[in-house]
Amino acid sequence: MQSLGSFNYWIVIILMMIGFYALIARGNLVKKVVGLNVFQASVFLLFISMGKVSGGTAPILAEGFELYSNPLPHVLILTAIVVGVATTALGLALIVRIKEAYGTIEDDELERLDDEP
């Protein structure tokens, strides 16, 4: 039963490694942005998992509740999601401009085109 309690953390590690692999191993810029988003989602899941208190309730004062969950991690993740969406939009817009300027979005072809005189 102990391994079931750490299920969220295993999912975080798996998602993190998938995103990291896509970011490092792929040459396509869109695939890199998708890998970055998967990595970012794993961090969101990690923070939300750590912010949940087992048996805790929302921090609203009421009779019968003594254990409360901290809402701060969830609020920070909401802000991070907004920043992540804006960053993704900017990255994809830059990829569109790179495609228009160079005709490709592959890393190795961009390096080859950049090295040519």
PDB file of N, CA and C in Angstrom:
ATOM      1  N   MET A   1       0.812  -1.189   0.000  1.00  0.00           N
ATOM      2  CA  MET A   1       0.000   0.000   0.000  1.00  0.00           C
ATOM      3  C   MET A   1       0.859   1.258   0.000  1.00  0.00           C
ATOM      4  N   GLN A   2       2.098   1.133   0.418  1.00  0.00           N
ATOM      5  CA  GLN A   2       3.007   2.276   0.443  1.00  0.00           C
ATOM      6  C   GLN A   2       3.274   2.796  -0.963  1.00  0.00           C
ATOM      7  N   SER A   3       3.389   1.904  -1.948  1.00  0.00           N
ATOM      8  CA  SER A   3       3.666   2.348  -3.315  1.00  0.00           C
ATOM      9  C   SER A   3       2.485   3.107  -3.897  1.00  0.00           C
ATOM     10  N   LEU A   4       1.277   2.824  -3.450  1.00  0.00           N
ATOM     11  CA  LEU A   4       0.096   3.536  -3.940  1.00  0.00           C
ATOM     12  C   LEU A   4       0.094   4.975  -3.441  1.00  0.00           C
ATOM     13  N   GLY A   5       0.667   5.214  -2.269  1.00  0.00           N
ATOM     14  CA  GLY A   5       0.740   6.568  -1.733  1.00  0.00           C
ATOM     15  C   GLY A   5       1.694   7.453  -2.500  1.00  0.00           C
ATOM     16  N   SER A   6       2.674   6.871  -3.165  1.00  0.00           N
ATOM     17  CA  SER A   6       3.635   7.650  -3.936  1.00  0.00           C
ATOM     18  C   SER A   6       3.340   7.593  -5.439  1.00  0.00           C
ATOM     19  N   PHE A   7       2.126   7.200  -5.797  1.00  0.00           N
ATOM     20  CA  PHE A   7       1.736   7.081  -7.203  1.00  0.00           C
ATOM     21  C   PHE A   7       1.886   8.415  -7.934  1.00  0.00           C
ATOM     22  N   ASN A   8       1.453   9.501  -7.303  1.00  0.00           N
ATOM     23  CA  ASN A   8       1.562  10.820  -7.935  1.00  0.00           C
ATOM     24  C   ASN A   8       3.011  11.167  -8.250  1.00  0.00           C
ATOM     25  N   TYR A   9       3.911  10.827  -7.351  1.00  0.00           N
ATOM     26  CA  TYR A   9       5.315  11.164  -7.554  1.00  0.00           C
ATOM     27  C   TYR A   9       5.933  10.348  -8.683  1.00  0.00           C
ATOM     28  N   TRP A  10       5.500   9.097  -8.838  1.00  0.00           N
ATOM     29  CA  TRP A  10       5.974   8.300  -9.962  1.00  0.00           C
ATOM     30  C   TRP A  10       5.477   8.873 -11.282  1.00  0.00           C
ATOM     31  N   ILE A  11       4.232   9.326 -11.307  1.00  0.00           N
ATOM     32  CA  ILE A  11       3.690   9.947 -12.510  1.00  0.00           C
ATOM     33  C   ILE A  11       4.461  11.228 -12.826  1.00  0.00           C
ATOM     34  N   VAL A  12       4.791  12.006 -11.792  1.00  0.00           N
ATOM     35  CA  VAL A  12       5.568  13.230 -11.985  1.00  0.00           C
ATOM     36  C   VAL A  12       6.926  12.896 -12.605  1.00  0.00           C
ATOM     37  N   ILE A  13       7.595  11.892 -12.083  1.00  0.00           N
ATOM     38  CA  ILE A  13       8.917  11.512 -12.598  1.00  0.00           C
ATOM     39  C   ILE A  13       8.820  11.042 -14.046  1.00  0.00           C
ATOM     40  N   ILE A  14       7.813  10.225 -14.345  1.00  0.00           N
ATOM     41  CA  ILE A  14       7.651   9.721 -15.716  1.00  0.00           C
ATOM     42  C   ILE A  14       7.367  10.868 -16.685  1.00  0.00           C
ATOM     43  N   LEU A  15       6.440  11.750 -16.322  1.00  0.00           N
ATOM     44  CA  LEU A  15       6.130  12.892 -17.189  1.00  0.00           C
ATOM     45  C   LEU A  15       7.334  13.814 -17.350  1.00  0.00           C
ATOM     46  N   MET A  16       8.067  14.007 -16.270  1.00  0.00           N
ATOM     47  CA  MET A  16       9.239  14.866 -16.328  1.00  0.00           C
ATOM     48  C   MET A  16      10.289  14.301 -17.282  1.00  0.00           C
ATOM     49  N   MET A  17      10.519  13.005 -17.219  1.00  0.00           N
ATOM     50  CA  MET A  17      11.516  12.396 -18.090  1.00  0.00           C
ATOM     51  C   MET A  17      11.052  12.368 -19.547  1.00  0.00           C
ATOM     52  N   ILE A  18       9.757  12.169 -19.788  1.00  0.00           N
ATOM     53  CA  ILE A  18       9.232  12.217 -21.160  1.00  0.00           C
ATOM     54  C   ILE A  18       9.412  13.618 -21.736  1.00  0.00           C
ATOM     55  N   GLY A  19       9.061  14.625 -20.956  1.00  0.00           N
ATOM     56  CA  GLY A  19       9.222  16.000 -21.418  1.00  0.00           C
ATOM     57  C   GLY A  19      10.674  16.368 -21.636  1.00  0.00           C
ATOM     58  N   PHE A  20      11.540  15.943 -20.725  1.00  0.00           N
ATOM     59  CA  PHE A  20      12.976  16.226 -20.858  1.00  0.00           C
ATOM     60  C   PHE A  20      13.553  15.542 -22.088  1.00  0.00           C
ATOM     61  N   TYR A  21      13.143  14.290 -22.334  1.00  0.00           N
ATOM     62  CA  TYR A  21      13.608  13.565 -23.513  1.00  0.00           C
ATOM     63  C   TYR A  21      13.169  14.277 -24.787  1.00  0.00           C
ATOM     64  N   ALA A  22      11.901  14.691 -24.835  1.00  0.00           N
ATOM     65  CA  ALA A  22      11.404  15.381 -26.026  1.00  0.00           C
ATOM     66  C   ALA A  22      12.131  16.703 -26.238  1.00  0.00           C
ATOM     67  N   LEU A  23      12.469  17.361 -25.163  1.00  0.00           N
ATOM     68  CA  LEU A  23      13.165  18.645 -25.251  1.00  0.00           C
ATOM     69  C   LEU A  23      14.598  18.479 -25.743  1.00  0.00           C
ATOM     70  N   ILE A  24      15.271  17.439 -25.294  1.00  0.00           N
ATOM     71  CA  ILE A  24      16.684  17.240 -25.630  1.00  0.00           C
ATOM     72  C   ILE A  24      16.869  16.463 -26.938  1.00  0.00           C
ATOM     73  N   ALA A  25      16.100  15.423 -27.158  1.00  0.00           N
ATOM     74  CA  ALA A  25      16.381  14.493 -28.244  1.00  0.00           C
ATOM     75  C   ALA A  25      15.755  14.877 -29.578  1.00  0.00           C
ATOM     76  N   ARG A  26      14.745  15.705 -29.579  1.00  0.00           N
ATOM     77  CA  ARG A  26      14.051  16.043 -30.820  1.00  0.00           C
ATOM     78  C   ARG A  26      14.637  17.294 -31.453  1.00  0.00           C
ATOM     79  N   GLY A  27      14.673  17.328 -32.781  1.00  0.00           N
ATOM     80  CA  GLY A  27      15.205  18.466 -33.494  1.00  0.00           C
ATOM     81  C   GLY A  27      14.138  19.438 -33.963  1.00  0.00           C
ATOM     82  N   ASN A  28      12.895  18.997 -33.985  1.00  0.00           N
ATOM     83  CA  ASN A  28      11.795  19.841 -34.426  1.00  0.00           C
ATOM     84  C   ASN A  28      11.428  20.814 -33.303  1.00  0.00           C
ATOM     85  N   LEU A  29      11.331  22.092 -33.637  1.00  0.00           N
ATOM     86  CA  LEU A  29      11.079  23.100 -32.611  1.00  0.00           C
ATOM     87  C   LEU A  29       9.696  22.960 -31.978  1.00  0.00           C
ATOM     88  N   VAL A  30       8.697  22.549 -32.750  1.00  0.00           N
ATOM     89  CA  VAL A  30       7.355  22.361 -32.185  1.00  0.00           C
ATOM     90  C   VAL A  30       7.379  21.207 -31.179  1.00  0.00           C
ATOM     91  N   LYS A  31       8.086  20.150 -31.495  1.00  0.00           N
ATOM     92  CA  LYS A  31       8.200  19.025 -30.563  1.00  0.00           C
ATOM     93  C   LYS A  31       8.921  19.447 -29.288  1.00  0.00           C
ATOM     94  N   LYS A  32       9.876  20.356 -29.417  1.00  0.00           N
ATOM     95  CA  LYS A  32      10.555  20.869 -28.229  1.00  0.00           C
ATOM     96  C   LYS A  32       9.590  21.658 -27.348  1.00  0.00           C
ATOM     97  N   VAL A  33       8.725  22.457 -27.950  1.00  0.00           N
ATOM     98  CA  VAL A  33       7.741  23.219 -27.177  1.00  0.00           C
ATOM     99  C   VAL A  33       6.755  22.274 -26.498  1.00  0.00           C
ATOM    100  N   VAL A  34       6.341  21.227 -27.195  1.00  0.00           N
ATOM    101  CA  VAL A  34       5.443  20.242 -26.584  1.00  0.00           C
ATOM    102  C   VAL A  34       6.140  19.533 -25.427  1.00  0.00           C
ATOM    103  N   GLY A  35       7.405  19.171 -25.598  1.00  0.00           N
ATOM    104  CA  GLY A  35       8.170  18.553 -24.517  1.00  0.00           C
ATOM    105  C   GLY A  35       8.300  19.463 -23.317  1.00  0.00           C
ATOM    106  N   LEU A  36       8.500  20.753 -23.570  1.00  0.00           N
ATOM    107  CA  LEU A  36       8.572  21.724 -22.485  1.00  0.00           C
ATOM    108  C   LEU A  36       7.240  21.813 -21.750  1.00  0.00           C
ATOM    109  N   ASN A  37       6.129  21.734 -22.483  1.00  0.00           N
ATOM    110  CA  ASN A  37       4.810  21.762 -21.849  1.00  0.00           C
ATOM    111  C   ASN A  37       4.545  20.511 -21.009  1.00  0.00           C
ATOM    112  N   VAL A  38       4.998  19.360 -21.474  1.00  0.00           N
ATOM    113  CA  VAL A  38       4.840  18.128 -20.686  1.00  0.00           C
ATOM    114  C   VAL A  38       5.669  18.221 -19.408  1.00  0.00           C
ATOM    115  N   PHE A  39       6.891  18.720 -19.539  1.00  0.00           N
ATOM    116  CA  PHE A  39       7.752  18.909 -18.366  1.00  0.00           C
ATOM    117  C   PHE A  39       7.087  19.872 -17.379  1.00  0.00           C
ATOM    118  N   GLN A  40       6.526  20.942 -17.905  1.00  0.00           N
ATOM    119  CA  GLN A  40       5.866  21.937 -17.068  1.00  0.00           C
ATOM    120  C   GLN A  40       4.633  21.347 -16.367  1.00  0.00           C
ATOM    121  N   ALA A  41       3.884  20.516 -17.074  1.00  0.00           N
ATOM    122  CA  ALA A  41       2.715  19.877 -16.464  1.00  0.00           C
ATOM    123  C   ALA A  41       3.132  18.957 -15.321  1.00  0.00           C
ATOM    124  N   SER A  42       4.286  18.311 -15.448  1.00  0.00           N
ATOM    125  CA  SER A  42       4.758  17.450 -14.362  1.00  0.00           C
ATOM    126  C   SER A  42       5.095  18.271 -13.121  1.00  0.00           C
ATOM    127  N   VAL A  43       5.653  19.453 -13.319  1.00  0.00           N
ATOM    128  CA  VAL A  43       5.960  20.329 -12.181  1.00  0.00           C
ATOM    129  C   VAL A  43       4.661  20.805 -11.526  1.00  0.00           C
ATOM    130  N   PHE A  44       3.659  21.129 -12.341  1.00  0.00           N
ATOM    131  CA  PHE A  44       2.362  21.526 -11.795  1.00  0.00           C
ATOM    132  C   PHE A  44       1.777  20.404 -10.941  1.00  0.00           C
ATOM    133  N   LEU A  45       1.833  19.183 -11.460  1.00  0.00           N
ATOM    134  CA  LEU A  45       1.304  18.040 -10.718  1.00  0.00           C
ATOM    135  C   LEU A  45       2.064  17.824  -9.418  1.00  0.00           C
ATOM    136  N   LEU A  46       3.375  18.037  -9.437  1.00  0.00           N
ATOM    137  CA  LEU A  46       4.175  17.893  -8.227  1.00  0.00           C
ATOM    138  C   LEU A  46       3.743  18.897  -7.161  1.00  0.00           C
ATOM    139  N   PHE A  47       3.595  20.150  -7.544  1.00  0.00           N
ATOM    140  CA  PHE A  47       3.209  21.174  -6.572  1.00  0.00           C
ATOM    141  C   PHE A  47       1.805  20.931  -6.032  1.00  0.00           C
ATOM    142  N   ILE A  48       0.893  20.542  -6.893  1.00  0.00           N
ATOM    143  CA  ILE A  48      -0.484  20.285  -6.437  1.00  0.00           C
ATOM    144  C   ILE A  48      -0.510  19.071  -5.514  1.00  0.00           C
ATOM    145  N   SER A  49       0.279  18.051  -5.826  1.00  0.00           N
ATOM    146  CA  SER A  49       0.330  16.861  -4.970  1.00  0.00           C
ATOM    147  C   SER A  49       0.877  17.188  -3.591  1.00  0.00           C
ATOM    148  N   MET A  50       1.890  18.060  -3.549  1.00  0.00           N
ATOM    149  CA  MET A  50       2.473  18.417  -2.258  1.00  0.00           C
ATOM    150  C   MET A  50       1.554  19.342  -1.462  1.00  0.00           C
ATOM    151  N   GLY A  51       0.701  20.090  -2.143  1.00  0.00           N
ATOM    152  CA  GLY A  51      -0.167  21.041  -1.455  1.00  0.00           C
ATOM    153  C   GLY A  51      -1.398  20.419  -0.839  1.00  0.00           C
ATOM    154  N   LYS A  52      -1.729  19.189  -1.204  1.00  0.00           N
ATOM    155  CA  LYS A  52      -2.925  18.541  -0.677  1.00  0.00           C
ATOM    156  C   LYS A  52      -2.605  17.853   0.645  1.00  0.00           C
ATOM    157  N   VAL A  53      -3.421  18.153   1.646  1.00  0.00           N
ATOM    158  CA  VAL A  53      -3.289  17.521   2.957  1.00  0.00           C
ATOM    159  C   VAL A  53      -4.358  16.436   3.054  1.00  0.00           C
ATOM    160  N   SER A  54      -3.957  15.218   3.358  1.00  0.00           N
ATOM    161  CA  SER A  54      -4.909  14.112   3.462  1.00  0.00           C
ATOM    162  C   SER A  54      -5.876  14.363   4.609  1.00  0.00           C
ATOM    163  N   GLY A  55      -7.131  14.384   4.278  1.00  0.00           N
ATOM    164  CA  GLY A  55      -8.152  14.640   5.289  1.00  0.00           C
ATOM    165  C   GLY A  55      -8.415  16.111   5.526  1.00  0.00           C
ATOM    166  N   GLY A  56      -7.671  16.970   4.865  1.00  0.00           N
ATOM    167  CA  GLY A  56      -7.834  18.405   5.040  1.00  0.00           C
ATOM    168  C   GLY A  56      -8.977  18.937   4.196  1.00  0.00           C
ATOM    169  N   THR A  57      -9.484  20.079   4.580  1.00  0.00           N
ATOM    170  CA  THR A  57     -10.573  20.720   3.865  1.00  0.00           C
ATOM    171  C   THR A  57     -10.142  22.125   3.443  1.00  0.00           C
ATOM    172  N   ALA A  58     -11.002  22.787   2.710  1.00  0.00           N
ATOM    173  CA  ALA A  58     -10.703  24.156   2.300  1.00  0.00           C
ATOM    174  C   ALA A  58     -10.583  25.032   3.543  1.00  0.00           C
ATOM    175  N   PRO A  59      -9.719  26.038   3.503  1.00  0.00           N
ATOM    176  CA  PRO A  59      -9.497  26.860   4.704  1.00  0.00           C
ATOM    177  C   PRO A  59     -10.642  27.852   4.960  1.00  0.00           C
ATOM    178  N   ILE A  60     -11.806  27.307   5.195  1.00  0.00           N
ATOM    179  CA  ILE A  60     -12.972  28.108   5.561  1.00  0.00           C
ATOM    180  C   ILE A  60     -13.340  27.704   6.982  1.00  0.00           C
ATOM    181  N   LEU A  61     -13.385  28.665   7.869  1.00  0.00           N
ATOM    182  CA  LEU A  61     -13.663  28.361   9.268  1.00  0.00           C
ATOM    183  C   LEU A  61     -15.101  27.874   9.426  1.00  0.00           C
ATOM    184  N   ALA A  62     -15.218  26.685   9.949  1.00  0.00           N
ATOM    185  CA  ALA A  62     -16.531  26.089  10.214  1.00  0.00           C
ATOM    186  C   ALA A  62     -16.362  25.113  11.366  1.00  0.00           C
ATOM    187  N   GLU A  63     -17.432  24.812  12.006  1.00  0.00           N
ATOM    188  CA  GLU A  63     -17.365  23.880  13.136  1.00  0.00           C
ATOM    189  C   GLU A  63     -17.141  22.465  12.630  1.00  0.00           C
ATOM    190  N   GLY A  64     -16.341  21.736  13.375  1.00  0.00           N
ATOM    191  CA  GLY A  64     -16.086  20.341  13.051  1.00  0.00           C
ATOM    192  C   GLY A  64     -14.849  20.107  12.198  1.00  0.00           C
ATOM    193  N   PHE A  65     -14.218  21.157  11.717  1.00  0.00           N
ATOM    194  CA  PHE A  65     -13.020  21.008  10.893  1.00  0.00           C
ATOM    195  C   PHE A  65     -11.829  21.579  11.636  1.00  0.00           C
ATOM    196  N   GLU A  66     -10.780  20.769  11.720  1.00  0.00           N
ATOM    197  CA  GLU A  66      -9.566  21.222  12.392  1.00  0.00           C
ATOM    198  C   GLU A  66      -8.340  21.149  11.490  1.00  0.00           C
ATOM    199  N   LEU A  67      -8.448  20.394  10.406  1.00  0.00           N
ATOM    200  CA  LEU A  67      -7.314  20.196   9.507  1.00  0.00           C
ATOM    201  C   LEU A  67      -7.630  20.858   8.167  1.00  0.00           C
ATOM    202  N   TYR A  68      -6.782  21.803   7.765  1.00  0.00           N
ATOM    203  CA  TYR A  68      -7.025  22.554   6.540  1.00  0.00           C
ATOM    204  C   TYR A  68      -5.880  22.353   5.554  1.00  0.00           C
ATOM    205  N   SER A  69      -6.221  22.403   4.268  1.00  0.00           N
ATOM    206  CA  SER A  69      -5.209  22.368   3.207  1.00  0.00           C
ATOM    207  C   SER A  69      -4.743  23.784   2.925  1.00  0.00           C
ATOM    208  N   ASN A  70      -3.494  23.911   2.575  1.00  0.00           N
ATOM    209  CA  ASN A  70      -2.931  25.210   2.252  1.00  0.00           C
ATOM    210  C   ASN A  70      -3.300  25.560   0.806  1.00  0.00           C
ATOM    211  N   PRO A  71      -3.974  26.687   0.560  1.00  0.00           N
ATOM    212  CA  PRO A  71      -4.368  27.033  -0.810  1.00  0.00           C
ATOM    213  C   PRO A  71      -3.251  27.684  -1.627  1.00  0.00           C
ATOM    214  N   LEU A  72      -2.161  28.069  -0.997  1.00  0.00           N
ATOM    215  CA  LEU A  72      -1.104  28.797  -1.687  1.00  0.00           C
ATOM    216  C   LEU A  72      -0.511  28.026  -2.876  1.00  0.00           C
ATOM    217  N   PRO A  73      -0.175  26.736  -2.759  1.00  0.00           N
ATOM    218  CA  PRO A  73       0.364  26.038  -3.936  1.00  0.00           C
ATOM    219  C   PRO A  73      -0.601  26.032  -5.120  1.00  0.00           C
ATOM    220  N   HIS A  74      -1.890  25.897  -4.837  1.00  0.00           N
ATOM    221  CA  HIS A  74      -2.872  25.874  -5.921  1.00  0.00           C
ATOM    222  C   HIS A  74      -2.969  27.241  -6.599  1.00  0.00           C
ATOM    223  N   VAL A  75      -2.891  28.295  -5.821  1.00  0.00           N
ATOM    224  CA  VAL A  75      -2.931  29.643  -6.389  1.00  0.00           C
ATOM    225  C   VAL A  75      -1.681  29.904  -7.221  1.00  0.00           C
ATOM    226  N   LEU A  76      -0.540  29.467  -6.733  1.00  0.00           N
ATOM    227  CA  LEU A  76       0.700  29.647  -7.486  1.00  0.00           C
ATOM    228  C   LEU A  76       0.668  28.869  -8.796  1.00  0.00           C
ATOM    229  N   ILE A  77       0.065  27.705  -8.790  1.00  0.00           N
ATOM    230  CA  ILE A  77      -0.021  26.906 -10.007  1.00  0.00           C
ATOM    231  C   ILE A  77      -0.964  27.560 -11.006  1.00  0.00           C
ATOM    232  N   LEU A  78      -2.046  28.169 -10.534  1.00  0.00           N
ATOM    233  CA  LEU A  78      -2.924  28.902 -11.451  1.00  0.00           C
ATOM    234  C   LEU A  78      -2.149  30.013 -12.156  1.00  0.00           C
ATOM    235  N   THR A  79      -1.336  30.726 -11.419  1.00  0.00           N
ATOM    236  CA  THR A  79      -0.507  31.769 -12.015  1.00  0.00           C
ATOM    237  C   THR A  79       0.507  31.165 -12.982  1.00  0.00           C
ATOM    238  N   ALA A  80       1.096  30.056 -12.611  1.00  0.00           N
ATOM    239  CA  ALA A  80       2.084  29.404 -13.474  1.00  0.00           C
ATOM    240  C   ALA A  80       1.445  28.885 -14.761  1.00  0.00           C
ATOM    241  N   ILE A  81       0.203  28.441 -14.692  1.00  0.00           N
ATOM    242  CA  ILE A  81      -0.489  27.978 -15.897  1.00  0.00           C
ATOM    243  C   ILE A  81      -0.676  29.135 -16.868  1.00  0.00           C
ATOM    244  N   VAL A  82      -1.062  30.285 -16.350  1.00  0.00           N
ATOM    245  CA  VAL A  82      -1.235  31.464 -17.207  1.00  0.00           C
ATOM    246  C   VAL A  82       0.090  31.860 -17.844  1.00  0.00           C
ATOM    247  N   VAL A  83       1.155  31.869 -17.067  1.00  0.00           N
ATOM    248  CA  VAL A  83       2.476  32.200 -17.603  1.00  0.00           C
ATOM    249  C   VAL A  83       2.909  31.146 -18.626  1.00  0.00           C
ATOM    250  N   GLY A  84       2.615  29.884 -18.357  1.00  0.00           N
ATOM    251  CA  GLY A  84       2.965  28.808 -19.284  1.00  0.00           C
ATOM    252  C   GLY A  84       2.239  28.916 -20.615  1.00  0.00           C
ATOM    253  N   VAL A  85       0.970  29.282 -20.573  1.00  0.00           N
ATOM    254  CA  VAL A  85       0.212  29.456 -21.819  1.00  0.00           C
ATOM    255  C   VAL A  85       0.786  30.624 -22.623  1.00  0.00           C
ATOM    256  N   ALA A  86       1.114  31.714 -21.945  1.00  0.00           N
ATOM    257  CA  ALA A  86       1.696  32.866 -22.640  1.00  0.00           C
ATOM    258  C   ALA A  86       3.061  32.517 -23.229  1.00  0.00           C
ATOM    259  N   THR A  87       3.869  31.773 -22.493  1.00  0.00           N
ATOM    260  CA  THR A  87       5.180  31.361 -22.984  1.00  0.00           C
ATOM    261  C   THR A  87       5.052  30.430 -24.187  1.00  0.00           C
ATOM    262  N   THR A  88       4.100  29.517 -24.125  1.00  0.00           N
ATOM    263  CA  THR A  88       3.866  28.605 -25.245  1.00  0.00           C
ATOM    264  C   THR A  88       3.421  29.379 -26.477  1.00  0.00           C
ATOM    265  N   ALA A  89       2.524  30.336 -26.295  1.00  0.00           N
ATOM    266  CA  ALA A  89       2.061  31.140 -27.430  1.00  0.00           C
ATOM    267  C   ALA A  89       3.222  31.927 -28.041  1.00  0.00           C
ATOM    268  N   LEU A  90       4.060  32.494 -27.213  1.00  0.00           N
ATOM    269  CA  LEU A  90       5.219  33.230 -27.715  1.00  0.00           C
ATOM    270  C   LEU A  90       6.177  32.305 -28.460  1.00  0.00           C
ATOM    271  N   GLY A  91       6.434  31.145 -27.886  1.00  0.00           N
ATOM    272  CA  GLY A  91       7.326  30.179 -28.534  1.00  0.00           C
ATOM    273  C   GLY A  91       6.799  29.726 -29.881  1.00  0.00           C
ATOM    274  N   LEU A  92       5.500  29.442 -29.958  1.00  0.00           N
ATOM    275  CA  LEU A  92       4.923  29.021 -31.232  1.00  0.00           C
ATOM    276  C   LEU A  92       4.916  30.161 -32.253  1.00  0.00           C
ATOM    277  N   ALA A  93       4.694  31.387 -31.788  1.00  0.00           N
ATOM    278  CA  ALA A  93       4.763  32.536 -32.697  1.00  0.00           C
ATOM    279  C   ALA A  93       6.174  32.708 -33.247  1.00  0.00           C
ATOM    280  N   LEU A  94       7.176  32.517 -32.403  1.00  0.00           N
ATOM    281  CA  LEU A  94       8.560  32.590 -32.871  1.00  0.00           C
ATOM    282  C   LEU A  94       8.873  31.474 -33.868  1.00  0.00           C
ATOM    283  N   ILE A  95       8.319  30.306 -33.634  1.00  0.00           N
ATOM    284  CA  ILE A  95       8.538  29.191 -34.558  1.00  0.00           C
ATOM    285  C   ILE A  95       7.923  29.504 -35.915  1.00  0.00           C
ATOM    286  N   VAL A  96       6.754  30.132 -35.929  1.00  0.00           N
ATOM    287  CA  VAL A  96       6.129  30.530 -37.197  1.00  0.00           C
ATOM    288  C   VAL A  96       7.017  31.523 -37.938  1.00  0.00           C
ATOM    289  N   ARG A  97       7.577  32.487 -37.219  1.00  0.00           N
ATOM    290  CA  ARG A  97       8.467  33.468 -37.851  1.00  0.00           C
ATOM    291  C   ARG A  97       9.761  32.811 -38.361  1.00  0.00           C
ATOM    292  N   ILE A  98      10.287  31.857 -37.600  1.00  0.00           N
ATOM    293  CA  ILE A  98      11.479  31.129 -38.039  1.00  0.00           C
ATOM    294  C   ILE A  98      11.174  30.340 -39.306  1.00  0.00           C
ATOM    295  N   LYS A  99      10.017  29.718 -39.353  1.00  0.00           N
ATOM    296  CA  LYS A  99       9.611  28.963 -40.544  1.00  0.00           C
ATOM    297  C   LYS A  99       9.500  29.886 -41.750  1.00  0.00           C
ATOM    298  N   GLU A 100       8.927  31.085 -41.561  1.00  0.00           N
ATOM    299  CA  GLU A 100       8.810  32.040 -42.665  1.00  0.00           C
ATOM    300  C   GLU A 100      10.179  32.534 -43.129  1.00  0.00           C
ATOM    301  N   ALA A 101      11.086  32.756 -42.193  1.00  0.00           N
ATOM    302  CA  ALA A 101      12.399  33.308 -42.538  1.00  0.00           C
ATOM    303  C   ALA A 101      13.344  32.268 -43.129  1.00  0.00           C
ATOM    304  N   TYR A 102      13.352  31.062 -42.578  1.00  0.00           N
ATOM    305  CA  TYR A 102      14.326  30.053 -42.985  1.00  0.00           C
ATOM    306  C   TYR A 102      13.735  28.902 -43.793  1.00  0.00           C
ATOM    307  N   GLY A 103      12.426  28.739 -43.736  1.00  0.00           N
ATOM    308  CA  GLY A 103      11.793  27.659 -44.483  1.00  0.00           C
ATOM    309  C   GLY A 103      11.838  26.313 -43.786  1.00  0.00           C
ATOM    310  N   THR A 104      12.307  26.258 -42.555  1.00  0.00           N
ATOM    311  CA  THR A 104      12.392  25.003 -41.807  1.00  0.00           C
ATOM    312  C   THR A 104      12.293  25.288 -40.315  1.00  0.00           C
ATOM    313  N   ILE A 105      11.950  24.244 -39.568  1.00  0.00           N
ATOM    314  CA  ILE A 105      11.938  24.358 -38.102  1.00  0.00           C
ATOM    315  C   ILE A 105      12.753  23.236 -37.459  1.00  0.00           C
ATOM    316  N   GLU A 106      13.639  22.653 -38.227  1.00  0.00           N
ATOM    317  CA  GLU A 106      14.524  21.604 -37.713  1.00  0.00           C
ATOM    318  C   GLU A 106      15.835  22.233 -37.242  1.00  0.00           C
ATOM    319  N   ASP A 107      16.297  21.810 -36.067  1.00  0.00           N
ATOM    320  CA  ASP A 107      17.511  22.364 -35.466  1.00  0.00           C
ATOM    321  C   ASP A 107      18.740  22.258 -36.367  1.00  0.00           C
ATOM    322  N   ASP A 108      18.989  21.060 -36.866  1.00  0.00           N
ATOM    323  CA  ASP A 108      20.212  20.845 -37.649  1.00  0.00           C
ATOM    324  C   ASP A 108      20.197  21.645 -38.949  1.00  0.00           C
ATOM    325  N   GLU A 109      19.034  21.775 -39.583  1.00  0.00           N
ATOM    326  CA  GLU A 109      18.952  22.565 -40.808  1.00  0.00           C
ATOM    327  C   GLU A 109      19.129  24.055 -40.511  1.00  0.00           C
ATOM    328  N   LEU A 110      18.596  24.510 -39.384  1.00  0.00           N
ATOM    329  CA  LEU A 110      18.764  25.914 -39.001  1.00  0.00           C
ATOM    330  C   LEU A 110      20.227  26.231 -38.716  1.00  0.00           C
ATOM    331  N   GLU A 111      20.924  25.321 -38.043  1.00  0.00           N
ATOM    332  CA  GLU A 111      22.354  25.521 -37.786  1.00  0.00           C
ATOM    333  C   GLU A 111      23.153  25.537 -39.081  1.00  0.00           C
ATOM    334  N   ARG A 112      22.796  24.640 -40.003  1.00  0.00           N
ATOM    335  CA  ARG A 112      23.492  24.597 -41.289  1.00  0.00           C
ATOM    336  C   ARG A 112      23.252  25.885 -42.064  1.00  0.00           C
ATOM    337  N   LEU A 113      22.014  26.380 -42.090  1.00  0.00           N
ATOM    338  CA  LEU A 113      21.695  27.624 -42.787  1.00  0.00           C
ATOM    339  C   LEU A 113      22.369  28.832 -42.130  1.00  0.00           C
ATOM    340  N   ASP A 114      22.496  28.786 -40.813  1.00  0.00           N
ATOM    341  CA  ASP A 114      23.114  29.894 -40.086  1.00  0.00           C
ATOM    342  C   ASP A 114      24.620  29.930 -40.302  1.00  0.00           C
ATOM    343  N   ASP A 115      25.241  28.774 -40.503  1.00  0.00           N
ATOM    344  CA  ASP A 115      26.692  28.709 -40.704  1.00  0.00           C
ATOM    345  C   ASP A 115      27.111  29.078 -42.115  1.00  0.00           C
ATOM    346  N   GLU A 116      26.199  28.992 -43.082  1.00  0.00           N
ATOM    347  CA  GLU A 116      26.541  29.327 -44.473  1.00  0.00           C
ATOM    348  C   GLU A 116      26.787  30.820 -44.614  1.00  0.00           C
ATOM    349  N   PRO A 117      27.791  31.192 -45.444  1.00  0.00           N
ATOM    350  CA  PRO A 117      28.091  32.622 -45.620  1.00  0.00           C
ATOM    351  C   PRO A 117      27.062  33.344 -46.458  1.00  0.00           C
TER     352      PRO A 117
END
